[in-house]
């Protein structure tokens, strides 16, 4: 699946191994954030707002719970 990162605007080809693949395939979201941008956003949230990165994406938390 070809996608464009909404943050850095670079094109990526993702497969079923990408954590966001299922959400995109099912139509739960139309937005893709690459790994580098995702880590940067989570890191910034943790530093500035004392937010736990695991609280930012409840869908990912459910997937990790398995």
N, C-alpha and C. Protein backbone atom coordinates (compact mmCIF):
# COMPACT_ATOMS: atom_id res chain seq x y z
N UNK A 1 0.85 -1.16 0.00
CA UNK A 1 0.00 0.00 0.00
C UNK A 1 0.90 1.23 0.00
N UNK A 2 0.65 2.15 -0.90
CA UNK A 2 1.41 3.40 -0.98
C UNK A 2 0.69 4.49 -0.19
N UNK A 3 1.43 5.17 0.66
CA UNK A 3 0.89 6.23 1.51
C UNK A 3 1.86 7.40 1.56
N UNK A 4 1.36 8.54 2.03
CA UNK A 4 2.20 9.72 2.24
C UNK A 4 2.07 10.12 3.70
N UNK A 5 3.21 10.35 4.34
CA UNK A 5 3.21 10.78 5.74
C UNK A 5 2.60 12.18 5.83
N UNK A 6 1.64 12.33 6.71
CA UNK A 6 0.96 13.63 6.84
C UNK A 6 1.87 14.69 7.45
N UNK A 7 2.95 14.30 8.09
CA UNK A 7 3.83 15.27 8.74
C UNK A 7 4.98 15.70 7.83
N UNK A 8 5.76 14.74 7.33
CA UNK A 8 6.94 15.09 6.53
C UNK A 8 6.66 15.07 5.02
N UNK A 9 5.47 14.60 4.62
CA UNK A 9 5.02 14.57 3.22
C UNK A 9 5.86 13.66 2.32
N UNK A 10 6.58 12.69 2.89
CA UNK A 10 7.34 11.74 2.09
C UNK A 10 6.45 10.55 1.75
N UNK A 11 6.70 9.94 0.59
CA UNK A 11 5.94 8.77 0.16
C UNK A 11 6.55 7.50 0.75
N UNK A 12 5.69 6.58 1.18
CA UNK A 12 6.12 5.31 1.75
C UNK A 12 5.27 4.19 1.17
N UNK A 13 5.87 3.03 1.07
CA UNK A 13 5.13 1.81 0.74
C UNK A 13 5.14 0.96 2.00
N UNK A 14 3.94 0.65 2.50
CA UNK A 14 3.85 -0.13 3.73
C UNK A 14 3.19 -1.48 3.43
N UNK A 15 3.46 -2.44 4.30
CA UNK A 15 2.84 -3.75 4.17
C UNK A 15 2.18 -4.11 5.49
N UNK A 16 1.69 -5.33 5.58
CA UNK A 16 0.94 -5.75 6.76
C UNK A 16 1.76 -5.75 8.05
N UNK A 17 3.07 -5.63 7.96
CA UNK A 17 3.92 -5.59 9.16
C UNK A 17 3.92 -4.21 9.82
N UNK A 18 3.50 -3.19 9.09
CA UNK A 18 3.45 -1.83 9.65
C UNK A 18 2.28 -1.74 10.62
N UNK A 19 2.49 -1.18 11.83
CA UNK A 19 1.42 -1.10 12.82
C UNK A 19 0.18 -0.33 12.35
N UNK A 20 0.33 0.59 11.43
CA UNK A 20 -0.81 1.39 10.98
C UNK A 20 -1.53 0.77 9.78
N UNK A 21 -0.98 -0.29 9.23
CA UNK A 21 -1.54 -0.91 8.03
C UNK A 21 -3.00 -1.31 8.21
N UNK A 22 -3.30 -1.98 9.31
CA UNK A 22 -4.66 -2.48 9.56
C UNK A 22 -5.66 -1.33 9.65
N UNK A 23 -5.28 -0.27 10.36
CA UNK A 23 -6.19 0.88 10.48
C UNK A 23 -6.45 1.52 9.12
N UNK A 24 -5.42 1.62 8.30
CA UNK A 24 -5.58 2.20 6.96
C UNK A 24 -6.41 1.28 6.07
N UNK A 25 -6.14 0.00 6.11
CA UNK A 25 -6.83 -0.98 5.27
C UNK A 25 -8.32 -1.04 5.60
N UNK A 26 -8.64 -0.98 6.89
CA UNK A 26 -10.04 -1.04 7.33
C UNK A 26 -10.78 0.28 7.18
N UNK A 27 -10.05 1.34 6.86
CA UNK A 27 -10.68 2.65 6.71
C UNK A 27 -10.91 3.36 8.03
N UNK A 28 -10.26 2.89 9.10
CA UNK A 28 -10.42 3.54 10.40
C UNK A 28 -9.72 4.89 10.43
N UNK A 29 -8.76 5.08 9.54
CA UNK A 29 -8.06 6.36 9.40
C UNK A 29 -7.59 6.50 7.96
N UNK A 30 -7.40 7.73 7.54
CA UNK A 30 -6.82 7.99 6.23
C UNK A 30 -5.46 8.66 6.37
N UNK A 31 -5.03 8.83 7.61
CA UNK A 31 -3.79 9.53 7.90
C UNK A 31 -2.69 8.55 8.25
N UNK A 32 -1.51 8.77 7.69
CA UNK A 32 -0.35 7.93 7.99
C UNK A 32 0.75 8.81 8.55
N UNK A 33 1.41 8.35 9.59
CA UNK A 33 2.55 9.05 10.16
C UNK A 33 3.71 8.06 10.18
N UNK A 34 4.81 8.42 9.54
CA UNK A 34 5.96 7.52 9.47
C UNK A 34 6.56 7.33 10.86
N UNK A 35 7.38 6.32 10.99
CA UNK A 35 7.97 5.96 12.29
C UNK A 35 8.78 7.11 12.88
N UNK A 36 9.58 7.78 12.06
CA UNK A 36 10.41 8.88 12.58
C UNK A 36 9.55 10.03 13.10
N UNK A 37 8.53 10.42 12.33
CA UNK A 37 7.65 11.51 12.77
C UNK A 37 6.86 11.10 14.00
N UNK A 38 6.40 9.85 14.04
CA UNK A 38 5.63 9.35 15.17
C UNK A 38 6.46 9.41 16.45
N UNK A 39 7.70 8.94 16.39
CA UNK A 39 8.57 8.98 17.57
C UNK A 39 8.85 10.41 18.00
N UNK A 40 9.03 11.29 17.03
CA UNK A 40 9.29 12.69 17.34
C UNK A 40 8.09 13.33 18.04
N UNK A 41 6.90 13.07 17.53
CA UNK A 41 5.68 13.63 18.13
C UNK A 41 5.47 13.09 19.54
N UNK A 42 5.65 11.78 19.71
CA UNK A 42 5.47 11.18 21.03
C UNK A 42 6.52 11.70 22.02
N UNK A 43 7.75 11.84 21.55
CA UNK A 43 8.81 12.35 22.42
C UNK A 43 8.53 13.78 22.86
N UNK A 44 8.08 14.59 21.93
CA UNK A 44 7.75 15.99 22.25
C UNK A 44 6.59 16.05 23.23
N UNK A 45 5.58 15.22 23.03
CA UNK A 45 4.44 15.20 23.95
C UNK A 45 4.88 14.79 25.35
N UNK A 46 5.76 13.81 25.43
CA UNK A 46 6.25 13.36 26.74
C UNK A 46 7.03 14.45 27.45
N UNK A 47 7.87 15.16 26.70
CA UNK A 47 8.72 16.20 27.31
C UNK A 47 7.92 17.43 27.73
N UNK A 48 6.98 17.85 26.89
CA UNK A 48 6.31 19.12 27.17
C UNK A 48 5.06 18.99 28.02
N UNK A 49 4.37 17.88 27.93
CA UNK A 49 3.08 17.76 28.62
C UNK A 49 3.01 16.61 29.61
N UNK A 50 4.12 15.89 29.79
CA UNK A 50 4.14 14.75 30.69
C UNK A 50 3.10 13.70 30.29
N UNK A 51 2.93 13.52 28.97
CA UNK A 51 1.98 12.53 28.45
C UNK A 51 2.73 11.24 28.17
N UNK A 52 2.14 10.14 28.57
CA UNK A 52 2.71 8.84 28.28
C UNK A 52 2.43 8.52 26.81
N UNK A 53 3.45 8.19 25.99
CA UNK A 53 3.24 7.91 24.57
C UNK A 53 2.22 6.81 24.30
N UNK A 54 2.07 5.87 25.24
CA UNK A 54 1.11 4.79 25.05
C UNK A 54 -0.34 5.27 25.15
N UNK A 55 -0.55 6.44 25.74
CA UNK A 55 -1.90 6.99 25.86
C UNK A 55 -2.34 7.74 24.60
N UNK A 56 -1.41 7.99 23.68
CA UNK A 56 -1.73 8.77 22.49
C UNK A 56 -2.51 7.98 21.44
N UNK A 57 -2.35 6.68 21.39
CA UNK A 57 -3.03 5.86 20.39
C UNK A 57 -3.65 4.64 21.06
N UNK A 58 -4.91 4.74 21.49
CA UNK A 58 -5.53 3.63 22.20
C UNK A 58 -5.66 2.38 21.33
N UNK A 59 -5.78 2.54 20.02
CA UNK A 59 -5.87 1.38 19.12
C UNK A 59 -4.56 0.60 19.16
N UNK A 60 -3.43 1.29 19.13
CA UNK A 60 -2.14 0.63 19.20
C UNK A 60 -1.97 -0.05 20.55
N UNK A 61 -2.48 0.57 21.61
CA UNK A 61 -2.39 -0.03 22.94
C UNK A 61 -3.15 -1.36 22.96
N UNK A 62 -4.31 -1.40 22.31
CA UNK A 62 -5.09 -2.65 22.26
C UNK A 62 -4.34 -3.72 21.47
N UNK A 63 -3.68 -3.33 20.39
CA UNK A 63 -2.91 -4.29 19.61
C UNK A 63 -1.74 -4.85 20.40
N UNK A 64 -1.10 -4.00 21.20
CA UNK A 64 0.04 -4.42 22.00
C UNK A 64 -0.38 -5.31 23.17
N UNK A 65 -1.65 -5.25 23.56
CA UNK A 65 -2.15 -6.00 24.70
C UNK A 65 -2.21 -7.50 24.41
N UNK A 66 -2.29 -7.88 23.15
CA UNK A 66 -2.45 -9.30 22.77
C UNK A 66 -1.40 -10.18 23.36
